[in-house]
Amino acid sequence: MQVVSVTMLFRDKVYKIWWALLALTPLFVNVVEYLMGILPLKDWWYWIVESIVFTTICLALTRWCKISKRISYFYAIASLGIVELVSLAITRSFSPVSIAAATLGLFVIAIFEDQRFYSPEMSI
C-alpha cells in the first residue's frame, strides 16, 4: 500500500499529503491486520518504528541530489521490501504470500514504474 505514496513522492509535483499517507499507511495496515487477528497487539511499538524508518529513508532519498529520481525511486522501493522483510523477521510472521509481496511484488512494480521513464509523455 505504500507504493502509491512512494511513487507520488518521486514525481515532479509533490504534495504534502503524500508524506502523511506514507507515514500513516504502515500504522493503518498493521491496525487492520490486528483487528483481523493476523498480528498481535504486543508488536504495536514496531509499527511506529517501521513507519519512522521508512519515512526517513524516503526523505533522505528525495533530498539526495547526486542521484537521479529514477534511481532514488528504485532505492525507495527496494528499501520498502527490506523494511518489510526485517519486520516479518522480527515478528516471526513469514509466509509465502508475505515474502512474495515484499520481494517479487515490489520488483514487478519497480519494473513497470521504470518503464514510465522511457515513455515520452510520462516522466518522473
PDB file of N, CA and C in Angstrom:
ATOM      1  N   MET A   1       0.808  -1.201   0.000  1.00  0.00           N
ATOM      2  CA  MET A   1       0.000   0.000   0.000  1.00  0.00           C
ATOM      3  C   MET A   1       0.851   1.265   0.000  1.00  0.00           C
ATOM      4  N   GLN A   2       2.060   1.174   0.465  1.00  0.00           N
ATOM      5  CA  GLN A   2       2.913   2.356   0.498  1.00  0.00           C
ATOM      6  C   GLN A   2       3.449   2.717  -0.873  1.00  0.00           C
ATOM      7  N   VAL A   3       3.330   1.832  -1.830  1.00  0.00           N
ATOM      8  CA  VAL A   3       3.884   2.082  -3.158  1.00  0.00           C
ATOM      9  C   VAL A   3       3.248   3.317  -3.792  1.00  0.00           C
ATOM     10  N   VAL A   4       1.959   3.519  -3.584  1.00  0.00           N
ATOM     11  CA  VAL A   4       1.289   4.680  -4.177  1.00  0.00           C
ATOM     12  C   VAL A   4       1.892   5.977  -3.645  1.00  0.00           C
ATOM     13  N   SER A   5       2.024   6.084  -2.332  1.00  0.00           N
ATOM     14  CA  SER A   5       2.584   7.318  -1.777  1.00  0.00           C
ATOM     15  C   SER A   5       4.054   7.476  -2.140  1.00  0.00           C
ATOM     16  N   VAL A   6       4.808   6.381  -2.202  1.00  0.00           N
ATOM     17  CA  VAL A   6       6.213   6.466  -2.613  1.00  0.00           C
ATOM     18  C   VAL A   6       6.309   6.953  -4.054  1.00  0.00           C
ATOM     19  N   THR A   7       5.496   6.391  -4.918  1.00  0.00           N
ATOM     20  CA  THR A   7       5.506   6.794  -6.325  1.00  0.00           C
ATOM     21  C   THR A   7       5.180   8.274  -6.465  1.00  0.00           C
ATOM     22  N   MET A   8       4.205   8.740  -5.731  1.00  0.00           N
ATOM     23  CA  MET A   8       3.821  10.146  -5.826  1.00  0.00           C
ATOM     24  C   MET A   8       4.902  11.066  -5.267  1.00  0.00           C
ATOM     25  N   LEU A   9       5.670  10.612  -4.299  1.00  0.00           N
ATOM     26  CA  LEU A   9       6.753  11.439  -3.746  1.00  0.00           C
ATOM     27  C   LEU A   9       7.871  11.676  -4.754  1.00  0.00           C
ATOM     28  N   PHE A  10       8.056  10.748  -5.670  1.00  0.00           N
ATOM     29  CA  PHE A  10       9.151  10.870  -6.630  1.00  0.00           C
ATOM     30  C   PHE A  10       8.694  11.419  -7.974  1.00  0.00           C
ATOM     31  N   ARG A  11       7.534  12.023  -8.009  1.00  0.00           N
ATOM     32  CA  ARG A  11       7.083  12.742  -9.204  1.00  0.00           C
ATOM     33  C   ARG A  11       7.482  14.198  -9.070  1.00  0.00           C
ATOM     34  N   ASP A  12       7.294  14.958 -10.140  1.00  0.00           N
ATOM     35  CA  ASP A  12       7.729  16.348 -10.142  1.00  0.00           C
ATOM     36  C   ASP A  12       6.982  17.218  -9.139  1.00  0.00           C
ATOM     37  N   LYS A  13       5.673  17.112  -9.096  1.00  0.00           N
ATOM     38  CA  LYS A  13       4.888  17.906  -8.150  1.00  0.00           C
ATOM     39  C   LYS A  13       4.600  17.050  -6.929  1.00  0.00           C
ATOM     40  N   VAL A  14       5.133  17.448  -5.796  1.00  0.00           N
ATOM     41  CA  VAL A  14       4.933  16.688  -4.573  1.00  0.00           C
ATOM     42  C   VAL A  14       4.033  17.491  -3.641  1.00  0.00           C
ATOM     43  N   TYR A  15       2.946  16.880  -3.254  1.00  0.00           N
ATOM     44  CA  TYR A  15       2.042  17.498  -2.300  1.00  0.00           C
ATOM     45  C   TYR A  15       2.293  16.896  -0.923  1.00  0.00           C
ATOM     46  N   LYS A  16       2.156  17.711   0.104  1.00  0.00           N
ATOM     47  CA  LYS A  16       2.471  17.270   1.465  1.00  0.00           C
ATOM     48  C   LYS A  16       1.602  16.115   1.933  1.00  0.00           C
ATOM     49  N   ILE A  17       0.440  15.935   1.346  1.00  0.00           N
ATOM     50  CA  ILE A  17      -0.452  14.850   1.759  1.00  0.00           C
ATOM     51  C   ILE A  17       0.210  13.487   1.567  1.00  0.00           C
ATOM     52  N   TRP A  18       1.081  13.362   0.571  1.00  0.00           N
ATOM     53  CA  TRP A  18       1.729  12.073   0.313  1.00  0.00           C
ATOM     54  C   TRP A  18       2.685  11.701   1.430  1.00  0.00           C
ATOM     55  N   TRP A  19       3.314  12.695   2.054  1.00  0.00           N
ATOM     56  CA  TRP A  19       4.185  12.404   3.197  1.00  0.00           C
ATOM     57  C   TRP A  19       3.369  11.861   4.360  1.00  0.00           C
ATOM     58  N   ALA A  20       2.218  12.463   4.607  1.00  0.00           N
ATOM     59  CA  ALA A  20       1.353  11.982   5.682  1.00  0.00           C
ATOM     60  C   ALA A  20       0.865  10.562   5.396  1.00  0.00           C
ATOM     61  N   LEU A  21       0.458  10.315   4.167  1.00  0.00           N
ATOM     62  CA  LEU A  21      -0.001   8.974   3.802  1.00  0.00           C
ATOM     63  C   LEU A  21       1.129   7.952   3.892  1.00  0.00           C
ATOM     64  N   LEU A  22       2.335   8.365   3.529  1.00  0.00           N
ATOM     65  CA  LEU A  22       3.482   7.466   3.634  1.00  0.00           C
ATOM     66  C   LEU A  22       3.722   7.061   5.081  1.00  0.00           C
ATOM     67  N   ALA A  23       3.633   8.013   5.991  1.00  0.00           N
ATOM     68  CA  ALA A  23       3.882   7.730   7.404  1.00  0.00           C
ATOM     69  C   ALA A  23       2.738   6.954   8.049  1.00  0.00           C
ATOM     70  N   LEU A  24       1.503   7.223   7.642  1.00  0.00           N
ATOM     71  CA  LEU A  24       0.350   6.593   8.285  1.00  0.00           C
ATOM     72  C   LEU A  24      -0.026   5.224   7.728  1.00  0.00           C
ATOM     73  N   THR A  25       0.371   4.918   6.511  1.00  0.00           N
ATOM     74  CA  THR A  25      -0.028   3.656   5.890  1.00  0.00           C
ATOM     75  C   THR A  25       0.406   2.435   6.685  1.00  0.00           C
ATOM     76  N   PRO A  26       1.671   2.317   7.132  1.00  0.00           N
ATOM     77  CA  PRO A  26       2.028   1.120   7.898  1.00  0.00           C
ATOM     78  C   PRO A  26       1.221   0.987   9.187  1.00  0.00           C
ATOM     79  N   LEU A  27       0.957   2.098   9.838  1.00  0.00           N
ATOM     80  CA  LEU A  27       0.163   2.049  11.065  1.00  0.00           C
ATOM     81  C   LEU A  27      -1.249   1.554  10.773  1.00  0.00           C
ATOM     82  N   PHE A  28      -1.854   2.101   9.736  1.00  0.00           N
ATOM     83  CA  PHE A  28      -3.205   1.710   9.353  1.00  0.00           C
ATOM     84  C   PHE A  28      -3.273   0.226   8.982  1.00  0.00           C
ATOM     85  N   VAL A  29      -2.342  -0.219   8.156  1.00  0.00           N
ATOM     86  CA  VAL A  29      -2.333  -1.618   7.710  1.00  0.00           C
ATOM     87  C   VAL A  29      -2.144  -2.557   8.896  1.00  0.00           C
ATOM     88  N   ASN A  30      -1.233  -2.213   9.791  1.00  0.00           N
ATOM     89  CA  ASN A  30      -0.990  -3.077  10.945  1.00  0.00           C
ATOM     90  C   ASN A  30      -2.183  -3.112  11.898  1.00  0.00           C
ATOM     91  N   VAL A  31      -2.875  -1.999  12.071  1.00  0.00           N
ATOM     92  CA  VAL A  31      -4.079  -1.995  12.905  1.00  0.00           C
ATOM     93  C   VAL A  31      -5.157  -2.872  12.277  1.00  0.00           C
ATOM     94  N   VAL A  32      -5.317  -2.780  10.970  1.00  0.00           N
ATOM     95  CA  VAL A  32      -6.301  -3.625  10.278  1.00  0.00           C
ATOM     96  C   VAL A  32      -5.924  -5.096  10.430  1.00  0.00           C
ATOM     97  N   GLU A  33      -4.629  -5.408  10.276  1.00  0.00           N
ATOM     98  CA  GLU A  33      -4.201  -6.804  10.436  1.00  0.00           C
ATOM     99  C   GLU A  33      -4.397  -7.278  11.882  1.00  0.00           C
ATOM    100  N   TYR A  34      -4.228  -6.386  12.847  1.00  0.00           N
ATOM    101  CA  TYR A  34      -4.509  -6.740  14.247  1.00  0.00           C
ATOM    102  C   TYR A  34      -5.997  -7.037  14.429  1.00  0.00           C
ATOM    103  N   LEU A  35      -6.849  -6.180  13.883  1.00  0.00           N
ATOM    104  CA  LEU A  35      -8.288  -6.377  14.011  1.00  0.00           C
ATOM    105  C   LEU A  35      -8.759  -7.662  13.317  1.00  0.00           C
ATOM    106  N   MET A  36      -8.038  -8.068  12.286  1.00  0.00           N
ATOM    107  CA  MET A  36      -8.365  -9.309  11.584  1.00  0.00           C
ATOM    108  C   MET A  36      -7.786 -10.530  12.290  1.00  0.00           C
ATOM    109  N   GLY A  37      -6.989 -10.316  13.327  1.00  0.00           N
ATOM    110  CA  GLY A  37      -6.397 -11.429  14.053  1.00  0.00           C
ATOM    111  C   GLY A  37      -5.100 -11.943  13.460  1.00  0.00           C
ATOM    112  N   ILE A  38      -4.511 -11.194  12.532  1.00  0.00           N
ATOM    113  CA  ILE A  38      -3.278 -11.623  11.875  1.00  0.00           C
ATOM    114  C   ILE A  38      -2.055 -11.251  12.710  1.00  0.00           C
ATOM    115  N   LEU A  39      -2.056 -10.055  13.288  1.00  0.00           N
ATOM    116  CA  LEU A  39      -0.928  -9.574  14.085  1.00  0.00           C
ATOM    117  C   LEU A  39      -1.320  -9.441  15.557  1.00  0.00           C
ATOM    118  N   PRO A  40      -0.362  -9.710  16.450  1.00  0.00           N
ATOM    119  CA  PRO A  40      -0.648  -9.479  17.877  1.00  0.00           C
ATOM    120  C   PRO A  40      -0.437  -8.008  18.233  1.00  0.00           C
ATOM    121  N   LEU A  41      -1.120  -7.554  19.246  1.00  0.00           N
ATOM    122  CA  LEU A  41      -1.003  -6.169  19.677  1.00  0.00           C
ATOM    123  C   LEU A  41       0.329  -5.892  20.366  1.00  0.00           C
ATOM    124  N   LYS A  42       1.005  -6.915  20.840  1.00  0.00           N
ATOM    125  CA  LYS A  42       2.270  -6.720  21.563  1.00  0.00           C
ATOM    126  C   LYS A  42       3.352  -6.084  20.687  1.00  0.00           C
ATOM    127  N   ASP A  43       3.204  -6.127  19.385  1.00  0.00           N
ATOM    128  CA  ASP A  43       4.198  -5.556  18.464  1.00  0.00           C
ATOM    129  C   ASP A  43       3.844  -4.143  18.025  1.00  0.00           C
ATOM    130  N   TRP A  44       2.942  -3.458  18.717  1.00  0.00           N
ATOM    131  CA  TRP A  44       2.490  -2.130  18.308  1.00  0.00           C
ATOM    132  C   TRP A  44       3.637  -1.143  18.169  1.00  0.00           C
ATOM    133  N   TRP A  45       4.626  -1.235  19.038  1.00  0.00           N
ATOM    134  CA  TRP A  45       5.752  -0.293  19.005  1.00  0.00           C
ATOM    135  C   TRP A  45       6.550  -0.437  17.709  1.00  0.00           C
ATOM    136  N   TYR A  46       6.602  -1.657  17.186  1.00  0.00           N
ATOM    137  CA  TYR A  46       7.352  -1.858  15.950  1.00  0.00           C
ATOM    138  C   TYR A  46       6.647  -1.225  14.768  1.00  0.00           C
ATOM    139  N   TRP A  47       5.333  -1.129  14.807  1.00  0.00           N
ATOM    140  CA  TRP A  47       4.580  -0.490  13.730  1.00  0.00           C
ATOM    141  C   TRP A  47       5.012   0.959  13.591  1.00  0.00           C
ATOM    142  N   ILE A  48       5.229   1.606  14.719  1.00  0.00           N
ATOM    143  CA  ILE A  48       5.652   3.007  14.714  1.00  0.00           C
ATOM    144  C   ILE A  48       7.087   3.124  14.209  1.00  0.00           C
ATOM    145  N   VAL A  49       7.962   2.234  14.665  1.00  0.00           N
ATOM    146  CA  VAL A  49       9.361   2.243  14.222  1.00  0.00           C
ATOM    147  C   VAL A  49       9.446   2.012  12.716  1.00  0.00           C
ATOM    148  N   GLU A  50       8.674   1.059  12.221  1.00  0.00           N
ATOM    149  CA  GLU A  50       8.656   0.771  10.778  1.00  0.00           C
ATOM    150  C   GLU A  50       8.257   2.008   9.983  1.00  0.00           C
ATOM    151  N   SER A  51       7.247   2.696  10.435  1.00  0.00           N
ATOM    152  CA  SER A  51       6.784   3.900   9.758  1.00  0.00           C
ATOM    153  C   SER A  51       7.849   4.994   9.770  1.00  0.00           C
ATOM    154  N   ILE A  52       8.476   5.218  10.913  1.00  0.00           N
ATOM    155  CA  ILE A  52       9.507   6.252  11.030  1.00  0.00           C
ATOM    156  C   ILE A  52      10.719   5.927  10.174  1.00  0.00           C
ATOM    157  N   VAL A  53      11.164   4.678  10.203  1.00  0.00           N
ATOM    158  CA  VAL A  53      12.350   4.280   9.432  1.00  0.00           C
ATOM    159  C   VAL A  53      12.111   4.476   7.940  1.00  0.00           C
ATOM    160  N   PHE A  54      10.982   3.977   7.436  1.00  0.00           N
ATOM    161  CA  PHE A  54      10.756   4.079   6.002  1.00  0.00           C
ATOM    162  C   PHE A  54      10.525   5.516   5.555  1.00  0.00           C
ATOM    163  N   THR A  55       9.820   6.303   6.352  1.00  0.00           N
ATOM    164  CA  THR A  55       9.620   7.711   6.012  1.00  0.00           C
ATOM    165  C   THR A  55      10.957   8.451   5.994  1.00  0.00           C
ATOM    166  N   THR A  56      11.827   8.140   6.927  1.00  0.00           N
ATOM    167  CA  THR A  56      13.159   8.757   6.969  1.00  0.00           C
ATOM    168  C   THR A  56      13.986   8.369   5.752  1.00  0.00           C
ATOM    169  N   ILE A  57      13.920   7.115   5.351  1.00  0.00           N
ATOM    170  CA  ILE A  57      14.644   6.663   4.152  1.00  0.00           C
ATOM    171  C   ILE A  57      14.155   7.430   2.925  1.00  0.00           C
ATOM    172  N   CYS A  58      12.845   7.558   2.777  1.00  0.00           N
ATOM    173  CA  CYS A  58      12.295   8.289   1.629  1.00  0.00           C
ATOM    174  C   CYS A  58      12.670   9.763   1.667  1.00  0.00           C
ATOM    175  N   LEU A  59      12.665  10.345   2.849  1.00  0.00           N
ATOM    176  CA  LEU A  59      13.075  11.743   2.980  1.00  0.00           C
ATOM    177  C   LEU A  59      14.514  11.926   2.528  1.00  0.00           C
ATOM    178  N   ALA A  60      15.395  11.035   2.954  1.00  0.00           N
ATOM    179  CA  ALA A  60      16.798  11.114   2.550  1.00  0.00           C
ATOM    180  C   ALA A  60      16.950  10.928   1.043  1.00  0.00           C
ATOM    181  N   LEU A  61      16.206   9.987   0.480  1.00  0.00           N
ATOM    182  CA  LEU A  61      16.309   9.733  -0.959  1.00  0.00           C
ATOM    183  C   LEU A  61      15.755  10.883  -1.796  1.00  0.00           C
ATOM    184  N   THR A  62      14.721  11.551  -1.331  1.00  0.00           N
ATOM    185  CA  THR A  62      14.193  12.681  -2.101  1.00  0.00           C
ATOM    186  C   THR A  62      15.105  13.896  -2.018  1.00  0.00           C
ATOM    187  N   ARG A  63      15.914  13.969  -0.975  1.00  0.00           N
ATOM    188  CA  ARG A  63      16.826  15.107  -0.800  1.00  0.00           C
ATOM    189  C   ARG A  63      18.222  14.853  -1.381  1.00  0.00           C
ATOM    190  N   TRP A  64      18.526  13.610  -1.697  1.00  0.00           N
ATOM    191  CA  TRP A  64      19.852  13.241  -2.195  1.00  0.00           C
ATOM    192  C   TRP A  64      19.973  13.696  -3.641  1.00  0.00           C
ATOM    193  N   CYS A  65      20.714  14.757  -3.863  1.00  0.00           N
ATOM    194  CA  CYS A  65      20.786  15.395  -5.182  1.00  0.00           C
ATOM    195  C   CYS A  65      21.762  14.722  -6.138  1.00  0.00           C
ATOM    196  N   LYS A  66      22.644  13.886  -5.650  1.00  0.00           N
ATOM    197  CA  LYS A  66      23.681  13.307  -6.512  1.00  0.00           C
ATOM    198  C   LYS A  66      23.178  12.144  -7.349  1.00  0.00           C
ATOM    199  N   ILE A  67      21.982  11.653  -7.094  1.00  0.00           N
ATOM    200  CA  ILE A  67      21.434  10.571  -7.908  1.00  0.00           C
ATOM    201  C   ILE A  67      20.117  11.027  -8.527  1.00  0.00           C
ATOM    202  N   SER A  68      19.753  10.391  -9.622  1.00  0.00           N
ATOM    203  CA  SER A  68      18.528  10.772 -10.325  1.00  0.00           C
ATOM    204  C   SER A  68      17.294  10.315  -9.548  1.00  0.00           C
ATOM    205  N   LYS A  69      16.169  10.914  -9.890  1.00  0.00           N
ATOM    206  CA  LYS A  69      14.918  10.494  -9.266  1.00  0.00           C
ATOM    207  C   LYS A  69      14.604   9.043  -9.599  1.00  0.00           C
ATOM    208  N   ARG A  70      14.978   8.642 -10.767  1.00  0.00           N
ATOM    209  CA  ARG A  70      14.734   7.268 -11.211  1.00  0.00           C
ATOM    210  C   ARG A  70      15.450   6.272 -10.301  1.00  0.00           C
ATOM    211  N   ILE A  71      16.710   6.518 -10.024  1.00  0.00           N
ATOM    212  CA  ILE A  71      17.488   5.630  -9.162  1.00  0.00           C
ATOM    213  C   ILE A  71      17.003   5.718  -7.721  1.00  0.00           C
ATOM    214  N   SER A  72      16.731   6.922  -7.238  1.00  0.00           N
ATOM    215  CA  SER A  72      16.274   7.059  -5.858  1.00  0.00           C
ATOM    216  C   SER A  72      14.900   6.409  -5.669  1.00  0.00           C
ATOM    217  N   TYR A  73      14.045   6.443  -6.687  1.00  0.00           N
ATOM    218  CA  TYR A  73      12.756   5.756  -6.610  1.00  0.00           C
ATOM    219  C   TYR A  73      12.978   4.255  -6.476  1.00  0.00           C
ATOM    220  N   PHE A  74      13.881   3.714  -7.280  1.00  0.00           N
ATOM    221  CA  PHE A  74      14.165   2.276  -7.197  1.00  0.00           C
ATOM    222  C   PHE A  74      14.706   1.923  -5.816  1.00  0.00           C
ATOM    223  N   TYR A  75      15.597   2.752  -5.270  1.00  0.00           N
ATOM    224  CA  TYR A  75      16.119   2.519  -3.920  1.00  0.00           C
ATOM    225  C   TYR A  75      14.995   2.555  -2.891  1.00  0.00           C
ATOM    226  N   ALA A  76      14.059   3.475  -3.047  1.00  0.00           N
ATOM    227  CA  ALA A  76      12.939   3.569  -2.107  1.00  0.00           C
ATOM    228  C   ALA A  76      12.087   2.306  -2.145  1.00  0.00           C
ATOM    229  N   ILE A  77      11.796   1.813  -3.345  1.00  0.00           N
ATOM    230  CA  ILE A  77      11.007   0.583  -3.479  1.00  0.00           C
ATOM    231  C   ILE A  77      11.775  -0.601  -2.890  1.00  0.00           C
ATOM    232  N   ALA A  78      13.077  -0.662  -3.161  1.00  0.00           N
ATOM    233  CA  ALA A  78      13.890  -1.748  -2.602  1.00  0.00           C
ATOM    234  C   ALA A  78      13.938  -1.661  -1.078  1.00  0.00           C
ATOM    235  N   SER A  79      14.078  -0.457  -0.537  1.00  0.00           N
ATOM    236  CA  SER A  79      14.128  -0.322   0.921  1.00  0.00           C
ATOM    237  C   SER A  79      12.777  -0.658   1.551  1.00  0.00           C
ATOM    238  N   LEU A  80      11.685  -0.413   0.832  1.00  0.00           N
ATOM    239  CA  LEU A  80      10.368  -0.816   1.326  1.00  0.00           C
ATOM    240  C   LEU A  80      10.322  -2.330   1.512  1.00  0.00           C
ATOM    241  N   GLY A  81      10.862  -3.059   0.547  1.00  0.00           N
ATOM    242  CA  GLY A  81      10.923  -4.518   0.658  1.00  0.00           C
ATOM    243  C   GLY A  81      11.820  -4.964   1.796  1.00  0.00           C
ATOM    244  N   ILE A  82      12.955  -4.309   1.961  1.00  0.00           N
ATOM    245  CA  ILE A  82      13.886  -4.677   3.032  1.00  0.00           C
ATOM    246  C   ILE A  82      13.272  -4.407   4.399  1.00  0.00           C
ATOM    247  N   VAL A  83      12.647  -3.241   4.552  1.00  0.00           N
ATOM    248  CA  VAL A  83      11.995  -2.906   5.828  1.00  0.00           C
ATOM    249  C   VAL A  83      10.899  -3.917   6.128  1.00  0.00           C
ATOM    250  N   GLU A  84      10.148  -4.307   5.122  1.00  0.00           N
ATOM    251  CA  GLU A  84       9.081  -5.290   5.328  1.00  0.00           C
ATOM    252  C   GLU A  84       9.644  -6.656   5.699  1.00  0.00           C
ATOM    253  N   LEU A  85      10.715  -7.088   5.051  1.00  0.00           N
ATOM    254  CA  LEU A  85      11.320  -8.373   5.392  1.00  0.00           C
ATOM    255  C   LEU A  85      11.887  -8.366   6.808  1.00  0.00           C
ATOM    256  N   VAL A  86      12.503  -7.258   7.220  1.00  0.00           N
ATOM    257  CA  VAL A  86      13.003  -7.146   8.592  1.00  0.00           C
ATOM    258  C   VAL A  86      11.837  -7.201   9.569  1.00  0.00           C
ATOM    259  N   SER A  87      10.756  -6.516   9.235  1.00  0.00           N
ATOM    260  CA  SER A  87       9.558  -6.537  10.083  1.00  0.00           C
ATOM    261  C   SER A  87       9.018  -7.959  10.215  1.00  0.00           C
ATOM    262  N   LEU A  88       8.952  -8.676   9.120  1.00  0.00           N
ATOM    263  CA  LEU A  88       8.476 -10.058   9.160  1.00  0.00           C
ATOM    264  C   LEU A  88       9.404 -10.934   9.997  1.00  0.00           C
ATOM    265  N   ALA A  89      10.705 -10.687   9.910  1.00  0.00           N
ATOM    266  CA  ALA A  89      11.661 -11.472  10.691  1.00  0.00           C
ATOM    267  C   ALA A  89      11.521 -11.189  12.189  1.00  0.00           C
ATOM    268  N   ILE A  90      11.367  -9.930  12.540  1.00  0.00           N
ATOM    269  CA  ILE A  90      11.245  -9.569  13.956  1.00  0.00           C
ATOM    270  C   ILE A  90       9.969 -10.148  14.559  1.00  0.00           C
ATOM    271  N   THR A  91       8.885 -10.061  13.825  1.00  0.00           N
ATOM    272  CA  THR A  91       7.609 -10.570  14.341  1.00  0.00           C
ATOM    273  C   THR A  91       7.419 -12.058  14.069  1.00  0.00           C
ATOM    274  N   ARG A  92       8.360 -12.652  13.378  1.00  0.00           N
ATOM    275  CA  ARG A  92       8.308 -14.080  13.027  1.00  0.00           C
ATOM    276  C   ARG A  92       6.987 -14.451  12.359  1.00  0.00           C
ATOM    277  N   SER A  93       6.618 -13.657  11.372  1.00  0.00           N
ATOM    278  CA  SER A  93       5.356 -13.902  10.670  1.00  0.00           C
ATOM    279  C   SER A  93       5.589 -14.112   9.179  1.00  0.00           C
ATOM    280  N   PHE A  94       6.616 -14.886   8.856  1.00  0.00           N
ATOM    281  CA  PHE A  94       6.891 -15.204   7.459  1.00  0.00           C
ATOM    282  C   PHE A  94       5.798 -16.118   6.909  1.00  0.00           C
ATOM    283  N   SER A  95       5.397 -15.839   5.691  1.00  0.00           N
ATOM    284  CA  SER A  95       4.509 -16.725   4.946  1.00  0.00           C
ATOM    285  C   SER A  95       4.895 -16.576   3.479  1.00  0.00           C
ATOM    286  N   PRO A  96       4.583 -17.551   2.652  1.00  0.00           N
ATOM    287  CA  PRO A  96       4.924 -17.416   1.231  1.00  0.00           C
ATOM    288  C   PRO A  96       4.333 -16.156   0.598  1.00  0.00           C
ATOM    289  N   VAL A  97       3.133 -15.791   0.981  1.00  0.00           N
ATOM    290  CA  VAL A  97       2.487 -14.607   0.409  1.00  0.00           C
ATOM    291  C   VAL A  97       3.200 -13.330   0.854  1.00  0.00           C
ATOM    292  N   SER A  98       3.541 -13.225   2.134  1.00  0.00           N
ATOM    293  CA  SER A  98       4.195 -12.008   2.625  1.00  0.00           C
ATOM    294  C   SER A  98       5.598 -11.857   2.048  1.00  0.00           C
ATOM    295  N   ILE A  99       6.310 -12.945   1.897  1.00  0.00           N
ATOM    296  CA  ILE A  99       7.647 -12.877   1.303  1.00  0.00           C
ATOM    297  C   ILE A  99       7.557 -12.508  -0.177  1.00  0.00           C
ATOM    298  N   ALA A 100       6.603 -13.094  -0.889  1.00  0.00           N
ATOM    299  CA  ALA A 100       6.429 -12.768  -2.312  1.00  0.00           C
ATOM    300  C   ALA A 100       6.047 -11.307  -2.499  1.00  0.00           C
ATOM    301  N   ALA A 101       5.184 -10.782  -1.619  1.00  0.00           N
ATOM    302  CA  ALA A 101       4.780  -9.377  -1.731  1.00  0.00           C
ATOM    303  C   ALA A 101       5.957  -8.452  -1.481  1.00  0.00           C
ATOM    304  N   ALA A 102       6.808  -8.802  -0.523  1.00  0.00           N
ATOM    305  CA  ALA A 102       7.945  -7.948  -0.164  1.00  0.00           C
ATOM    306  C   ALA A 102       9.101  -8.058  -1.146  1.00  0.00           C
ATOM    307  N   THR A 103       9.092  -9.048  -1.994  1.00  0.00           N
ATOM    308  CA  THR A 103      10.198  -9.212  -2.947  1.00  0.00           C
ATOM    309  C   THR A 103       9.693  -9.142  -4.384  1.00  0.00           C
ATOM    310  N   LEU A 104       9.013 -10.166  -4.819  1.00  0.00           N
ATOM    311  CA  LEU A 104       8.567 -10.233  -6.215  1.00  0.00           C
ATOM    312  C   LEU A 104       7.561  -9.139  -6.562  1.00  0.00           C
ATOM    313  N   GLY A 105       6.620  -8.895  -5.662  1.00  0.00           N
ATOM    314  CA  GLY A 105       5.614  -7.862  -5.930  1.00  0.00           C
ATOM    315  C   GLY A 105       6.231  -6.495  -6.114  1.00  0.00           C
ATOM    316  N   LEU A 106       7.145  -6.132  -5.222  1.00  0.00           N
ATOM    317  CA  LEU A 106       7.800  -4.823  -5.332  1.00  0.00           C
ATOM    318  C   LEU A 106       8.729  -4.759  -6.539  1.00  0.00           C
ATOM    319  N   PHE A 107       9.355  -5.874  -6.901  1.00  0.00           N
ATOM    320  CA  PHE A 107      10.222  -5.913  -8.078  1.00  0.00           C
ATOM    321  C   PHE A 107       9.413  -5.657  -9.349  1.00  0.00           C
ATOM    322  N   VAL A 108       8.240  -6.280  -9.443  1.00  0.00           N
ATOM    323  CA  VAL A 108       7.372  -6.078 -10.611  1.00  0.00           C
ATOM    324  C   VAL A 108       6.924  -4.622 -10.685  1.00  0.00           C
ATOM    325  N   ILE A 109       6.547  -4.045  -9.547  1.00  0.00           N
ATOM    326  CA  ILE A 109       6.129  -2.633  -9.522  1.00  0.00           C
ATOM    327  C   ILE A 109       7.275  -1.738  -9.966  1.00  0.00           C
ATOM    328  N   ALA A 110       8.480  -2.004  -9.480  1.00  0.00           N
ATOM    329  CA  ALA A 110       9.640  -1.192  -9.855  1.00  0.00           C
ATOM    330  C   ALA A 110       9.906  -1.283 -11.353  1.00  0.00           C
ATOM    331  N   ILE A 111       9.759  -2.452 -11.933  1.00  0.00           N
ATOM    332  CA  ILE A 111       9.990  -2.621 -13.376  1.00  0.00           C
ATOM    333  C   ILE A 111       8.952  -1.837 -14.182  1.00  0.00           C
ATOM    334  N   PHE A 112       7.682  -1.952 -13.820  1.00  0.00           N
ATOM    335  CA  PHE A 112       6.645  -1.239 -14.563  1.00  0.00           C
ATOM    336  C   PHE A 112       6.791   0.271 -14.406  1.00  0.00           C
ATOM    337  N   GLU A 113       7.108   0.712 -13.214  1.00  0.00           N
ATOM    338  CA  GLU A 113       7.285   2.146 -13.000  1.00  0.00           C
ATOM    339  C   GLU A 113       8.516   2.649 -13.754  1.00  0.00           C
ATOM    340  N   ASP A 114       9.545   1.820 -13.834  1.00  0.00           N
ATOM    341  CA  ASP A 114      10.749   2.202 -14.565  1.00  0.00           C
ATOM    342  C   ASP A 114      10.453   2.414 -16.046  1.00  0.00           C
ATOM    343  N   GLN A 115       9.512   1.664 -16.572  1.00  0.00           N
ATOM    344  CA  GLN A 115       9.148   1.806 -17.982  1.00  0.00           C
ATOM    345  C   GLN A 115       8.523   3.161 -18.280  1.00  0.00           C
ATOM    346  N   ARG A 116       7.950   3.806 -17.267  1.00  0.00           N
ATOM    347  CA  ARG A 116       7.395   5.141 -17.472  1.00  0.00           C
ATOM    348  C   ARG A 116       8.471   6.143 -17.859  1.00  0.00           C
ATOM    349  N   PHE A 117       9.689   5.911 -17.431  1.00  0.00           N
ATOM    350  CA  PHE A 117      10.772   6.834 -17.760  1.00  0.00           C
ATOM    351  C   PHE A 117      11.071   6.827 -19.257  1.00  0.00           C
ATOM    352  N   TYR A 118      10.774   5.724 -19.913  1.00  0.00           N
ATOM    353  CA  TYR A 118      11.039   5.619 -21.340  1.00  0.00           C
ATOM    354  C   TYR A 118       9.875   6.134 -22.184  1.00  0.00           C
ATOM    355  N   SER A 119       8.740   6.379 -21.561  1.00  0.00           N
ATOM    356  CA  SER A 119       7.583   6.880 -22.263  1.00  0.00           C
ATOM    357  C   SER A 119       7.720   8.402 -22.402  1.00  0.00           C
ATOM    358  N   PRO A 120       7.641   8.951 -23.630  1.00  0.00           N
ATOM    359  CA  PRO A 120       7.852  10.383 -23.820  1.00  0.00           C
ATOM    360  C   PRO A 120       6.784  11.257 -23.176  1.00  0.00           C
ATOM    361  N   GLU A 121       5.544  10.760 -23.048  1.00  0.00           N
ATOM    362  CA  GLU A 121       4.507  11.614 -22.477  1.00  0.00           C
ATOM    363  C   GLU A 121       4.435  11.541 -20.968  1.00  0.00           C
ATOM    364  N   MET A 122       5.092  10.590 -20.334  1.00  0.00           N
ATOM    365  CA  MET A 122       5.063  10.481 -18.871  1.00  0.00           C
ATOM    366  C   MET A 122       6.490  10.345 -18.361  1.00  0.00           C
ATOM    367  N   SER A 123       6.826  11.151 -17.410  1.00  0.00           N
ATOM    368  CA  SER A 123       8.150  11.015 -16.797  1.00  0.00           C
ATOM    369  C   SER A 123       8.058  11.457 -15.359  1.00  0.00           C
ATOM    370  N   ILE A 124       8.969  10.927 -14.571  1.00  0.00           N
ATOM    371  CA  ILE A 124       9.037  11.323 -13.158  1.00  0.00           C
ATOM    372  C   ILE A 124       9.791  12.596 -13.033  1.00  0.00           C
TER     373      ILE A 124
END
